[in-house]
Amino acid sequence: MLSKTSNEYGSIFIENEVIARIAGLAAMDCYGIVGMAAKNVKDGITKLLKIESLTKGVKLNITETDCIIDLHIIVEYGTNISAIADTLINTVKYRVEEYAGISVTEVNIFVEGIRVNN
């Protein structure tokens, strides 16, 4: 479903892919986030997504009045996951509302993995 905003000049339709990209890029700007994750349902294997396909780690549920965003992320080892999640929720909510003009009622975080540097 497209996001639609109207004013006296006409209507603006925003594709879900655009909203997902805004959310994904906002998530990548947050400290402690290594990247977005895509889970292979068949094998149960999670893989780190490249920047070109980070929208696969974002799931949207858009209604006429609001939006629910699910983010599947991979975090850096040794970081405080609770603090990362709080920052991530606030950042993604703010950016999607500011850029797309759609109200975000929920941002759900799914930590799919932890990256350990050698």
PDB file of N, CA and C in Angstrom:
ATOM      1  N   MET A   1       0.841  -1.184   0.000  1.00  0.00           N
ATOM      2  CA  MET A   1       0.000   0.000   0.000  1.00  0.00           C
ATOM      3  C   MET A   1       0.879   1.238   0.000  1.00  0.00           C
ATOM      4  N   LEU A   2       0.521   2.199  -0.786  1.00  0.00           N
ATOM      5  CA  LEU A   2       1.253   3.444  -0.879  1.00  0.00           C
ATOM      6  C   LEU A   2       0.870   4.376   0.258  1.00  0.00           C
ATOM      7  N   SER A   3       1.830   5.179   0.669  1.00  0.00           N
ATOM      8  CA  SER A   3       1.543   6.244   1.609  1.00  0.00           C
ATOM      9  C   SER A   3       1.061   7.434   0.795  1.00  0.00           C
ATOM     10  N   LYS A   4      -0.014   8.066   1.237  1.00  0.00           N
ATOM     11  CA  LYS A   4      -0.582   9.181   0.490  1.00  0.00           C
ATOM     12  C   LYS A   4      -0.721  10.393   1.395  1.00  0.00           C
ATOM     13  N   THR A   5      -0.257  11.520   0.895  1.00  0.00           N
ATOM     14  CA  THR A   5      -0.398  12.790   1.586  1.00  0.00           C
ATOM     15  C   THR A   5      -1.049  13.766   0.621  1.00  0.00           C
ATOM     16  N   SER A   6      -2.027  14.498   1.082  1.00  0.00           N
ATOM     17  CA  SER A   6      -2.720  15.455   0.217  1.00  0.00           C
ATOM     18  C   SER A   6      -2.673  16.847   0.814  1.00  0.00           C
ATOM     19  N   ASN A   7      -2.653  17.837  -0.058  1.00  0.00           N
ATOM     20  CA  ASN A   7      -2.800  19.228   0.351  1.00  0.00           C
ATOM     21  C   ASN A   7      -3.591  19.962  -0.724  1.00  0.00           C
ATOM     22  N   GLU A   8      -3.649  21.278  -0.659  1.00  0.00           N
ATOM     23  CA  GLU A   8      -4.481  22.029  -1.593  1.00  0.00           C
ATOM     24  C   GLU A   8      -3.963  21.973  -3.034  1.00  0.00           C
ATOM     25  N   TYR A   9      -2.713  21.565  -3.230  1.00  0.00           N
ATOM     26  CA  TYR A   9      -2.129  21.508  -4.565  1.00  0.00           C
ATOM     27  C   TYR A   9      -2.257  20.140  -5.224  1.00  0.00           C
ATOM     28  N   GLY A  10      -2.543  19.109  -4.440  1.00  0.00           N
ATOM     29  CA  GLY A  10      -2.652  17.767  -5.011  1.00  0.00           C
ATOM     30  C   GLY A  10      -2.247  16.701  -4.006  1.00  0.00           C
ATOM     31  N   SER A  11      -1.901  15.536  -4.529  1.00  0.00           N
ATOM     32  CA  SER A  11      -1.552  14.393  -3.684  1.00  0.00           C
ATOM     33  C   SER A  11      -0.130  13.935  -3.952  1.00  0.00           C
ATOM     34  N   ILE A  12       0.487  13.414  -2.917  1.00  0.00           N
ATOM     35  CA  ILE A  12       1.823  12.834  -3.015  1.00  0.00           C
ATOM     36  C   ILE A  12       1.707  11.372  -2.614  1.00  0.00           C
ATOM     37  N   PHE A  13       2.187  10.488  -3.486  1.00  0.00           N
ATOM     38  CA  PHE A  13       2.187   9.059  -3.210  1.00  0.00           C
ATOM     39  C   PHE A  13       3.629   8.616  -2.993  1.00  0.00           C
ATOM     40  N   ILE A  14       3.871   7.928  -1.868  1.00  0.00           N
ATOM     41  CA  ILE A  14       5.217   7.471  -1.539  1.00  0.00           C
ATOM     42  C   ILE A  14       5.212   5.946  -1.510  1.00  0.00           C
ATOM     43  N   GLU A  15       6.069   5.336  -2.302  1.00  0.00           N
ATOM     44  CA  GLU A  15       6.191   3.879  -2.354  1.00  0.00           C
ATOM     45  C   GLU A  15       6.746   3.349  -1.035  1.00  0.00           C
ATOM     46  N   ASN A  16       6.356   2.124  -0.694  1.00  0.00           N
ATOM     47  CA  ASN A  16       6.861   1.474   0.514  1.00  0.00           C
ATOM     48  C   ASN A  16       8.377   1.328   0.479  1.00  0.00           C
ATOM     49  N   GLU A  17       8.927   1.093  -0.694  1.00  0.00           N
ATOM     50  CA  GLU A  17      10.380   0.938  -0.840  1.00  0.00           C
ATOM     51  C   GLU A  17      11.113   2.200  -0.393  1.00  0.00           C
ATOM     52  N   VAL A  18      10.527   3.358  -0.656  1.00  0.00           N
ATOM     53  CA  VAL A  18      11.136   4.628  -0.254  1.00  0.00           C
ATOM     54  C   VAL A  18      11.124   4.758   1.268  1.00  0.00           C
ATOM     55  N   ILE A  19      10.022   4.433   1.887  1.00  0.00           N
ATOM     56  CA  ILE A  19       9.928   4.496   3.346  1.00  0.00           C
ATOM     57  C   ILE A  19      10.891   3.489   3.978  1.00  0.00           C
ATOM     58  N   ALA A  20      10.978   2.300   3.399  1.00  0.00           N
ATOM     59  CA  ALA A  20      11.909   1.289   3.911  1.00  0.00           C
ATOM     60  C   ALA A  20      13.355   1.759   3.775  1.00  0.00           C
ATOM     61  N   ARG A  21      13.689   2.423   2.682  1.00  0.00           N
ATOM     62  CA  ARG A  21      15.052   2.921   2.491  1.00  0.00           C
ATOM     63  C   ARG A  21      15.356   4.030   3.499  1.00  0.00           C
ATOM     64  N   ILE A  22      14.408   4.917   3.748  1.00  0.00           N
ATOM     65  CA  ILE A  22      14.603   5.967   4.755  1.00  0.00           C
ATOM     66  C   ILE A  22      14.879   5.331   6.113  1.00  0.00           C
ATOM     67  N   ALA A  23      14.072   4.337   6.485  1.00  0.00           N
ATOM     68  CA  ALA A  23      14.245   3.669   7.780  1.00  0.00           C
ATOM     69  C   ALA A  23      15.583   2.937   7.837  1.00  0.00           C
ATOM     70  N   GLY A  24      15.947   2.258   6.754  1.00  0.00           N
ATOM     71  CA  GLY A  24      17.208   1.514   6.730  1.00  0.00           C
ATOM     72  C   GLY A  24      18.423   2.418   6.820  1.00  0.00           C
ATOM     73  N   LEU A  25      18.408   3.514   6.084  1.00  0.00           N
ATOM     74  CA  LEU A  25      19.526   4.454   6.144  1.00  0.00           C
ATOM     75  C   LEU A  25      19.617   5.138   7.506  1.00  0.00           C
ATOM     76  N   ALA A  26      18.476   5.442   8.103  1.00  0.00           N
ATOM     77  CA  ALA A  26      18.474   6.025   9.449  1.00  0.00           C
ATOM     78  C   ALA A  26      19.061   5.034  10.451  1.00  0.00           C
ATOM     79  N   ALA A  27      18.724   3.763  10.302  1.00  0.00           N
ATOM     80  CA  ALA A  27      19.251   2.732  11.205  1.00  0.00           C
ATOM     81  C   ALA A  27      20.765   2.604  11.062  1.00  0.00           C
ATOM     82  N   MET A  28      21.255   2.670   9.828  1.00  0.00           N
ATOM     83  CA  MET A  28      22.691   2.525   9.602  1.00  0.00           C
ATOM     84  C   MET A  28      23.491   3.683  10.188  1.00  0.00           C
ATOM     85  N   ASP A  29      22.857   4.823  10.410  1.00  0.00           N
ATOM     86  CA  ASP A  29      23.535   5.975  11.007  1.00  0.00           C
ATOM     87  C   ASP A  29      23.689   5.847  12.518  1.00  0.00           C
ATOM     88  N   CYS A  30      23.002   4.896  13.136  1.00  0.00           N
ATOM     89  CA  CYS A  30      23.028   4.757  14.589  1.00  0.00           C
ATOM     90  C   CYS A  30      24.275   4.004  15.050  1.00  0.00           C
ATOM     91  N   TYR A  31      24.813   4.447  16.172  1.00  0.00           N
ATOM     92  CA  TYR A  31      25.990   3.807  16.758  1.00  0.00           C
ATOM     93  C   TYR A  31      25.679   2.367  17.164  1.00  0.00           C
ATOM     94  N   GLY A  32      26.607   1.468  16.883  1.00  0.00           N
ATOM     95  CA  GLY A  32      26.483   0.080  17.305  1.00  0.00           C
ATOM     96  C   GLY A  32      25.801  -0.821  16.298  1.00  0.00           C
ATOM     97  N   ILE A  33      25.216  -0.249  15.253  1.00  0.00           N
ATOM     98  CA  ILE A  33      24.554  -1.045  14.228  1.00  0.00           C
ATOM     99  C   ILE A  33      25.585  -1.402  13.162  1.00  0.00           C
ATOM    100  N   VAL A  34      25.790  -2.689  12.950  1.00  0.00           N
ATOM    101  CA  VAL A  34      26.715  -3.161  11.924  1.00  0.00           C
ATOM    102  C   VAL A  34      26.016  -3.157  10.573  1.00  0.00           C
ATOM    103  N   GLY A  35      24.754  -3.552  10.562  1.00  0.00           N
ATOM    104  CA  GLY A  35      24.003  -3.576   9.316  1.00  0.00           C
ATOM    105  C   GLY A  35      22.632  -4.171   9.513  1.00  0.00           C
ATOM    106  N   MET A  36      21.915  -4.233   8.413  1.00  0.00           N
ATOM    107  CA  MET A  36      20.598  -4.845   8.413  1.00  0.00           C
ATOM    108  C   MET A  36      20.758  -6.327   8.106  1.00  0.00           C
ATOM    109  N   ALA A  37      19.793  -7.115   8.550  1.00  0.00           N
ATOM    110  CA  ALA A  37      19.876  -8.561   8.385  1.00  0.00           C
ATOM    111  C   ALA A  37      18.696  -9.081   7.583  1.00  0.00           C
ATOM    112  N   ALA A  38      18.976 -10.089   6.775  1.00  0.00           N
ATOM    113  CA  ALA A  38      17.927 -10.814   6.066  1.00  0.00           C
ATOM    114  C   ALA A  38      18.004 -12.254   6.523  1.00  0.00           C
ATOM    115  N   LYS A  39      16.883 -12.793   6.907  1.00  0.00           N
ATOM    116  CA  LYS A  39      16.849 -14.158   7.412  1.00  0.00           C
ATOM    117  C   LYS A  39      16.284 -15.074   6.345  1.00  0.00           C
ATOM    118  N   ASN A  40      17.011 -16.135   6.053  1.00  0.00           N
ATOM    119  CA  ASN A  40      16.535 -17.154   5.132  1.00  0.00           C
ATOM    120  C   ASN A  40      15.612 -18.067   5.919  1.00  0.00           C
ATOM    121  N   VAL A  41      14.324 -17.952   5.686  1.00  0.00           N
ATOM    122  CA  VAL A  41      13.328 -18.695   6.458  1.00  0.00           C
ATOM    123  C   VAL A  41      13.514 -20.199   6.283  1.00  0.00           C
ATOM    124  N   LYS A  42      13.858 -20.611   5.099  1.00  0.00           N
ATOM    125  CA  LYS A  42      14.022 -22.026   4.807  1.00  0.00           C
ATOM    126  C   LYS A  42      15.152 -22.647   5.632  1.00  0.00           C
ATOM    127  N   ASP A  43      16.308 -21.975   5.672  1.00  0.00           N
ATOM    128  CA  ASP A  43      17.465 -22.511   6.377  1.00  0.00           C
ATOM    129  C   ASP A  43      17.629 -21.959   7.787  1.00  0.00           C
ATOM    130  N   GLY A  44      16.968 -20.851   8.105  1.00  0.00           N
ATOM    131  CA  GLY A  44      17.123 -20.214   9.403  1.00  0.00           C
ATOM    132  C   GLY A  44      18.446 -19.477   9.535  1.00  0.00           C
ATOM    133  N   ILE A  45      19.084 -19.170   8.401  1.00  0.00           N
ATOM    134  CA  ILE A  45      20.379 -18.502   8.408  1.00  0.00           C
ATOM    135  C   ILE A  45      20.177 -17.012   8.198  1.00  0.00           C
ATOM    136  N   THR A  46      20.887 -16.213   8.994  1.00  0.00           N
ATOM    137  CA  THR A  46      20.825 -14.766   8.877  1.00  0.00           C
ATOM    138  C   THR A  46      22.078 -14.272   8.181  1.00  0.00           C
ATOM    139  N   LYS A  47      21.907 -13.315   7.246  1.00  0.00           N
ATOM    140  CA  LYS A  47      23.085 -12.759   6.590  1.00  0.00           C
ATOM    141  C   LYS A  47      23.045 -11.240   6.641  1.00  0.00           C
ATOM    142  N   LEU A  48      24.241 -10.664   6.682  1.00  0.00           N
ATOM    143  CA  LEU A  48      24.405  -9.222   6.696  1.00  0.00           C
ATOM    144  C   LEU A  48      24.163  -8.696   5.290  1.00  0.00           C
ATOM    145  N   LEU A  49      23.295  -7.684   5.184  1.00  0.00           N
ATOM    146  CA  LEU A  49      22.947  -7.120   3.883  1.00  0.00           C
ATOM    147  C   LEU A  49      23.893  -5.993   3.507  1.00  0.00           C
ATOM    148  N   LYS A  50      24.156  -5.869   2.219  1.00  0.00           N
ATOM    149  CA  LYS A  50      24.942  -4.754   1.716  1.00  0.00           C
ATOM    150  C   LYS A  50      24.043  -3.527   1.671  1.00  0.00           C
ATOM    151  N   ILE A  51      24.655  -2.375   1.538  1.00  0.00           N
ATOM    152  CA  ILE A  51      23.913  -1.112   1.575  1.00  0.00           C
ATOM    153  C   ILE A  51      22.875  -1.029   0.455  1.00  0.00           C
ATOM    154  N   GLU A  52      23.125  -1.685  -0.676  1.00  0.00           N
ATOM    155  CA  GLU A  52      22.183  -1.626  -1.785  1.00  0.00           C
ATOM    156  C   GLU A  52      20.879  -2.363  -1.477  1.00  0.00           C
ATOM    157  N   SER A  53      20.935  -3.366  -0.610  1.00  0.00           N
ATOM    158  CA  SER A  53      19.741  -4.177  -0.344  1.00  0.00           C
ATOM    159  C   SER A  53      19.309  -4.125   1.116  1.00  0.00           C
ATOM    160  N   LEU A  54      19.621  -3.041   1.800  1.00  0.00           N
ATOM    161  CA  LEU A  54      19.286  -2.956   3.218  1.00  0.00           C
ATOM    162  C   LEU A  54      17.786  -2.905   3.483  1.00  0.00           C
ATOM    163  N   THR A  55      16.982  -2.596   2.472  1.00  0.00           N
ATOM    164  CA  THR A  55      15.537  -2.547   2.674  1.00  0.00           C
ATOM    165  C   THR A  55      14.941  -3.931   2.919  1.00  0.00           C
ATOM    166  N   LYS A  56      15.693  -4.984   2.608  1.00  0.00           N
ATOM    167  CA  LYS A  56      15.208  -6.334   2.884  1.00  0.00           C
ATOM    168  C   LYS A  56      15.189  -6.626   4.372  1.00  0.00           C
ATOM    169  N   GLY A  57      15.892  -5.836   5.156  1.00  0.00           N
ATOM    170  CA  GLY A  57      15.880  -5.979   6.607  1.00  0.00           C
ATOM    171  C   GLY A  57      14.825  -5.127   7.277  1.00  0.00           C
ATOM    172  N   VAL A  58      14.002  -4.451   6.468  1.00  0.00           N
ATOM    173  CA  VAL A  58      12.952  -3.566   6.977  1.00  0.00           C
ATOM    174  C   VAL A  58      11.608  -4.105   6.507  1.00  0.00           C
ATOM    175  N   LYS A  59      10.707  -4.312   7.454  1.00  0.00           N
ATOM    176  CA  LYS A  59       9.344  -4.746   7.127  1.00  0.00           C
ATOM    177  C   LYS A  59       8.391  -3.633   7.532  1.00  0.00           C
ATOM    178  N   LEU A  60       7.467  -3.304   6.634  1.00  0.00           N
ATOM    179  CA  LEU A  60       6.512  -2.222   6.893  1.00  0.00           C
ATOM    180  C   LEU A  60       5.093  -2.746   6.938  1.00  0.00           C
ATOM    181  N   ASN A  61       4.300  -2.157   7.811  1.00  0.00           N
ATOM    182  CA  ASN A  61       2.859  -2.393   7.844  1.00  0.00           C
ATOM    183  C   ASN A  61       2.220  -1.007   7.841  1.00  0.00           C
ATOM    184  N   ILE A  62       1.778  -0.586   6.665  1.00  0.00           N
ATOM    185  CA  ILE A  62       1.269   0.773   6.498  1.00  0.00           C
ATOM    186  C   ILE A  62      -0.240   0.745   6.341  1.00  0.00           C
ATOM    187  N   THR A  63      -0.909   1.572   7.146  1.00  0.00           N
ATOM    188  CA  THR A  63      -2.346   1.775   6.993  1.00  0.00           C
ATOM    189  C   THR A  63      -2.547   3.195   6.457  1.00  0.00           C
ATOM    190  N   GLU A  64      -3.789   3.625   6.367  1.00  0.00           N
ATOM    191  CA  GLU A  64      -4.063   4.965   5.846  1.00  0.00           C
ATOM    192  C   GLU A  64      -3.584   6.068   6.775  1.00  0.00           C
ATOM    193  N   THR A  65      -3.489   5.778   8.072  1.00  0.00           N
ATOM    194  CA  THR A  65      -3.145   6.830   9.021  1.00  0.00           C
ATOM    195  C   THR A  65      -1.783   6.676   9.677  1.00  0.00           C
ATOM    196  N   ASP A  66      -1.227   5.475   9.689  1.00  0.00           N
ATOM    197  CA  ASP A  66       0.041   5.296  10.394  1.00  0.00           C
ATOM    198  C   ASP A  66       0.862   4.150   9.815  1.00  0.00           C
ATOM    199  N   CYS A  67       1.994   3.897  10.463  1.00  0.00           N
ATOM    200  CA  CYS A  67       2.953   2.924   9.959  1.00  0.00           C
ATOM    201  C   CYS A  67       3.600   2.191  11.137  1.00  0.00           C
ATOM    202  N   ILE A  68       3.806   0.892  10.961  1.00  0.00           N
ATOM    203  CA  ILE A  68       4.557   0.081  11.917  1.00  0.00           C
ATOM    204  C   ILE A  68       5.786  -0.434  11.176  1.00  0.00           C
ATOM    205  N   ILE A  69       6.955  -0.244  11.782  1.00  0.00           N
ATOM    206  CA  ILE A  69       8.213  -0.623  11.147  1.00  0.00           C
ATOM    207  C   ILE A  69       8.898  -1.707  11.967  1.00  0.00           C
ATOM    208  N   ASP A  70       9.287  -2.796  11.314  1.00  0.00           N
ATOM    209  CA  ASP A  70      10.085  -3.859  11.933  1.00  0.00           C
ATOM    210  C   ASP A  70      11.480  -3.793  11.336  1.00  0.00           C
ATOM    211  N   LEU A  71      12.499  -3.697  12.199  1.00  0.00           N
ATOM    212  CA  LEU A  71      13.887  -3.636  11.753  1.00  0.00           C
ATOM    213  C   LEU A  71      14.622  -4.881  12.225  1.00  0.00           C
ATOM    214  N   HIS A  72      15.265  -5.563  11.299  1.00  0.00           N
ATOM    215  CA  HIS A  72      16.079  -6.735  11.605  1.00  0.00           C
ATOM    216  C   HIS A  72      17.530  -6.297  11.472  1.00  0.00           C
ATOM    217  N   ILE A  73      18.243  -6.286  12.618  1.00  0.00           N
ATOM    218  CA  ILE A  73      19.573  -5.689  12.644  1.00  0.00           C
ATOM    219  C   ILE A  73      20.632  -6.664  13.156  1.00  0.00           C
ATOM    220  N   ILE A  74      21.878  -6.298  12.887  1.00  0.00           N
ATOM    221  CA  ILE A  74      23.039  -6.967  13.460  1.00  0.00           C
ATOM    222  C   ILE A  74      23.818  -5.892  14.206  1.00  0.00           C
ATOM    223  N   VAL A  75      24.180  -6.179  15.462  1.00  0.00           N
ATOM    224  CA  VAL A  75      24.859  -5.193  16.302  1.00  0.00           C
ATOM    225  C   VAL A  75      26.318  -5.585  16.518  1.00  0.00           C
ATOM    226  N   GLU A  76      27.092  -4.620  16.955  1.00  0.00           N
ATOM    227  CA  GLU A  76      28.503  -4.810  17.260  1.00  0.00           C
ATOM    228  C   GLU A  76      28.647  -5.443  18.643  1.00  0.00           C
ATOM    229  N   TYR A  77      29.546  -6.393  18.766  1.00  0.00           N
ATOM    230  CA  TYR A  77      29.792  -7.051  20.051  1.00  0.00           C
ATOM    231  C   TYR A  77      30.302  -6.034  21.070  1.00  0.00           C
ATOM    232  N   GLY A  78      29.812  -6.138  22.293  1.00  0.00           N
ATOM    233  CA  GLY A  78      30.267  -5.277  23.375  1.00  0.00           C
ATOM    234  C   GLY A  78      29.467  -4.005  23.542  1.00  0.00           C
ATOM    235  N   THR A  79      28.448  -3.813  22.737  1.00  0.00           N
ATOM    236  CA  THR A  79      27.621  -2.616  22.865  1.00  0.00           C
ATOM    237  C   THR A  79      26.369  -2.937  23.676  1.00  0.00           C
ATOM    238  N   ASN A  80      25.770  -1.919  24.234  1.00  0.00           N
ATOM    239  CA  ASN A  80      24.565  -2.068  25.031  1.00  0.00           C
ATOM    240  C   ASN A  80      23.356  -2.126  24.093  1.00  0.00           C
ATOM    241  N   ILE A  81      22.783  -3.302  23.951  1.00  0.00           N
ATOM    242  CA  ILE A  81      21.698  -3.498  22.989  1.00  0.00           C
ATOM    243  C   ILE A  81      20.477  -2.655  23.344  1.00  0.00           C
ATOM    244  N   SER A  82      20.187  -2.514  24.616  1.00  0.00           N
ATOM    245  CA  SER A  82      19.039  -1.707  25.036  1.00  0.00           C
ATOM    246  C   SER A  82      19.217  -0.238  24.642  1.00  0.00           C
ATOM    247  N   ALA A  83      20.409   0.294  24.846  1.00  0.00           N
ATOM    248  CA  ALA A  83      20.673   1.687  24.473  1.00  0.00           C
ATOM    249  C   ALA A  83      20.636   1.861  22.962  1.00  0.00           C
ATOM    250  N   ILE A  84      21.175   0.882  22.232  1.00  0.00           N
ATOM    251  CA  ILE A  84      21.134   0.933  20.765  1.00  0.00           C
ATOM    252  C   ILE A  84      19.688   0.934  20.286  1.00  0.00           C
ATOM    253  N   ALA A  85      18.857   0.065  20.867  1.00  0.00           N
ATOM    254  CA  ALA A  85      17.457  -0.035  20.457  1.00  0.00           C
ATOM    255  C   ALA A  85      16.705   1.264  20.720  1.00  0.00           C
ATOM    256  N   ASP A  86      16.934   1.888  21.876  1.00  0.00           N
ATOM    257  CA  ASP A  86      16.274   3.163  22.184  1.00  0.00           C
ATOM    258  C   ASP A  86      16.650   4.241  21.171  1.00  0.00           C
ATOM    259  N   THR A  87      17.942   4.348  20.878  1.00  0.00           N
ATOM    260  CA  THR A  87      18.407   5.331  19.899  1.00  0.00           C
ATOM    261  C   THR A  87      17.848   5.031  18.519  1.00  0.00           C
ATOM    262  N   LEU A  88      17.857   3.766  18.161  1.00  0.00           N
ATOM    263  CA  LEU A  88      17.366   3.343  16.857  1.00  0.00           C
ATOM    264  C   LEU A  88      15.882   3.662  16.678  1.00  0.00           C
ATOM    265  N   ILE A  89      15.091   3.365  17.679  1.00  0.00           N
ATOM    266  CA  ILE A  89      13.654   3.641  17.621  1.00  0.00           C
ATOM    267  C   ILE A  89      13.391   5.133  17.433  1.00  0.00           C
ATOM    268  N   ASN A  90      14.052   5.951  18.246  1.00  0.00           N
ATOM    269  CA  ASN A  90      13.842   7.399  18.158  1.00  0.00           C
ATOM    270  C   ASN A  90      14.309   7.968  16.827  1.00  0.00           C
ATOM    271  N   THR A  91      15.465   7.517  16.335  1.00  0.00           N
ATOM    272  CA  THR A  91      16.018   8.029  15.083  1.00  0.00           C
ATOM    273  C   THR A  91      15.151   7.649  13.891  1.00  0.00           C
ATOM    274  N   VAL A  92      14.774   6.380  13.807  1.00  0.00           N
ATOM    275  CA  VAL A  92      13.971   5.911  12.677  1.00  0.00           C
ATOM    276  C   VAL A  92      12.595   6.574  12.690  1.00  0.00           C
ATOM    277  N   LYS A  93      11.978   6.646  13.855  1.00  0.00           N
ATOM    278  CA  LYS A  93      10.656   7.278  13.976  1.00  0.00           C
ATOM    279  C   LYS A  93      10.721   8.734  13.524  1.00  0.00           C
ATOM    280  N   TYR A  94      11.712   9.468  14.002  1.00  0.00           N
ATOM    281  CA  TYR A  94      11.849  10.881  13.644  1.00  0.00           C
ATOM    282  C   TYR A  94      12.057  11.061  12.149  1.00  0.00           C
ATOM    283  N   ARG A  95      12.992  10.302  11.571  1.00  0.00           N
ATOM    284  CA  ARG A  95      13.333  10.498  10.154  1.00  0.00           C
ATOM    285  C   ARG A  95      12.186  10.113   9.223  1.00  0.00           C
ATOM    286  N   VAL A  96      11.501   9.021   9.504  1.00  0.00           N
ATOM    287  CA  VAL A  96      10.386   8.622   8.640  1.00  0.00           C
ATOM    288  C   VAL A  96       9.263   9.653   8.734  1.00  0.00           C
ATOM    289  N   GLU A  97       8.959  10.097   9.943  1.00  0.00           N
ATOM    290  CA  GLU A  97       7.908  11.103  10.092  1.00  0.00           C
ATOM    291  C   GLU A  97       8.302  12.425   9.435  1.00  0.00           C
ATOM    292  N   GLU A  98       9.566  12.818   9.568  1.00  0.00           N
ATOM    293  CA  GLU A  98      10.039  14.083   9.017  1.00  0.00           C
ATOM    294  C   GLU A  98      10.116  14.041   7.490  1.00  0.00           C
ATOM    295  N   TYR A  99      10.680  12.978   6.927  1.00  0.00           N
ATOM    296  CA  TYR A  99      10.911  12.917   5.484  1.00  0.00           C
ATOM    297  C   TYR A  99       9.675  12.474   4.704  1.00  0.00           C
ATOM    298  N   ALA A 100       8.943  11.483   5.217  1.00  0.00           N
ATOM    299  CA  ALA A 100       7.810  10.931   4.468  1.00  0.00           C
ATOM    300  C   ALA A 100       6.473  11.527   4.894  1.00  0.00           C
ATOM    301  N   GLY A 101       6.425  12.141   6.066  1.00  0.00           N
ATOM    302  CA  GLY A 101       5.189  12.750   6.521  1.00  0.00           C
ATOM    303  C   GLY A 101       4.132  11.749   6.956  1.00  0.00           C
ATOM    304  N   ILE A 102       4.564  10.533   7.325  1.00  0.00           N
ATOM    305  CA  ILE A 102       3.625   9.509   7.784  1.00  0.00           C
ATOM    306  C   ILE A 102       3.885   9.255   9.260  1.00  0.00           C
ATOM    307  N   SER A 103       2.834   9.095  10.037  1.00  0.00           N
ATOM    308  CA  SER A 103       2.950   8.866  11.473  1.00  0.00           C
ATOM    309  C   SER A 103       3.428   7.440  11.745  1.00  0.00           C
ATOM    310  N   VAL A 104       4.451   7.302  12.569  1.00  0.00           N
ATOM    311  CA  VAL A 104       4.987   5.994  12.937  1.00  0.00           C
ATOM    312  C   VAL A 104       4.506   5.676  14.347  1.00  0.00           C
ATOM    313  N   THR A 105       3.703   4.608  14.486  1.00  0.00           N
ATOM    314  CA  THR A 105       3.176   4.250  15.801  1.00  0.00           C
ATOM    315  C   THR A 105       4.061   3.251  16.531  1.00  0.00           C
ATOM    316  N   GLU A 106       4.781   2.405  15.793  1.00  0.00           N
ATOM    317  CA  GLU A 106       5.655   1.409  16.412  1.00  0.00           C
ATOM    318  C   GLU A 106       6.906   1.222  15.582  1.00  0.00           C
ATOM    319  N   VAL A 107       8.020   1.016  16.280  1.00  0.00           N
ATOM    320  CA  VAL A 107       9.254   0.566  15.650  1.00  0.00           C
ATOM    321  C   VAL A 107       9.703  -0.641  16.464  1.00  0.00           C
ATOM    322  N   ASN A 108       9.655  -1.810  15.848  1.00  0.00           N
ATOM    323  CA  ASN A 108      10.041  -3.049  16.519  1.00  0.00           C
ATOM    324  C   ASN A 108      11.436  -3.453  16.056  1.00  0.00           C
ATOM    325  N   ILE A 109      12.287  -3.787  17.028  1.00  0.00           N
ATOM    326  CA  ILE A 109      13.672  -4.144  16.743  1.00  0.00           C
ATOM    327  C   ILE A 109      13.867  -5.639  16.960  1.00  0.00           C
ATOM    328  N   PHE A 110      14.441  -6.300  15.966  1.00  0.00           N
ATOM    329  CA  PHE A 110      14.781  -7.715  16.056  1.00  0.00           C
ATOM    330  C   PHE A 110      16.292  -7.837  15.859  1.00  0.00           C
ATOM    331  N   VAL A 111      17.005  -8.178  16.931  1.00  0.00           N
ATOM    332  CA  VAL A 111      18.452  -8.360  16.837  1.00  0.00           C
ATOM    333  C   VAL A 111      18.689  -9.772  16.318  1.00  0.00           C
ATOM    334  N   GLU A 112      19.173  -9.852  15.089  1.00  0.00           N
ATOM    335  CA  GLU A 112      19.367 -11.138  14.410  1.00  0.00           C
ATOM    336  C   GLU A 112      20.757 -11.708  14.597  1.00  0.00           C
ATOM    337  N   GLY A 113      21.686 -10.861  15.051  1.00  0.00           N
ATOM    338  CA  GLY A 113      23.053 -11.347  15.230  1.00  0.00           C
ATOM    339  C   GLY A 113      23.947 -10.309  15.852  1.00  0.00           C
ATOM    340  N   ILE A 114      25.150 -10.777  16.218  1.00  0.00           N
ATOM    341  CA  ILE A 114      26.175  -9.918  16.804  1.00  0.00           C
ATOM    342  C   ILE A 114      27.452 -10.157  16.017  1.00  0.00           C
ATOM    343  N   ARG A 115      28.102  -9.080  15.597  1.00  0.00           N
ATOM    344  CA  ARG A 115      29.371  -9.207  14.882  1.00  0.00           C
ATOM    345  C   ARG A 115      30.521  -9.037  15.859  1.00  0.00           C
ATOM    346  N   VAL A 116      31.442  -9.983  15.809  1.00  0.00           N
ATOM    347  CA  VAL A 116      32.628  -9.931  16.655  1.00  0.00           C
ATOM    348  C   VAL A 116      33.816  -9.638  15.763  1.00  0.00           C
ATOM    349  N   ASN A 117      34.549  -8.572  16.051  1.00  0.00           N
ATOM    350  CA  ASN A 117      35.769  -8.251  15.286  1.00  0.00           C
ATOM    351  C   ASN A 117      36.919  -9.077  15.814  1.00  0.00           C
ATOM    352  N   ASN A 118      37.809  -9.454  14.909  1.00  0.00           N
ATOM    353  CA  ASN A 118      38.999 -10.209  15.314  1.00  0.00           C
ATOM    354  C   ASN A 118      40.142  -9.290  15.639  1.00  0.00           C
TER     355      ASN A 118
END
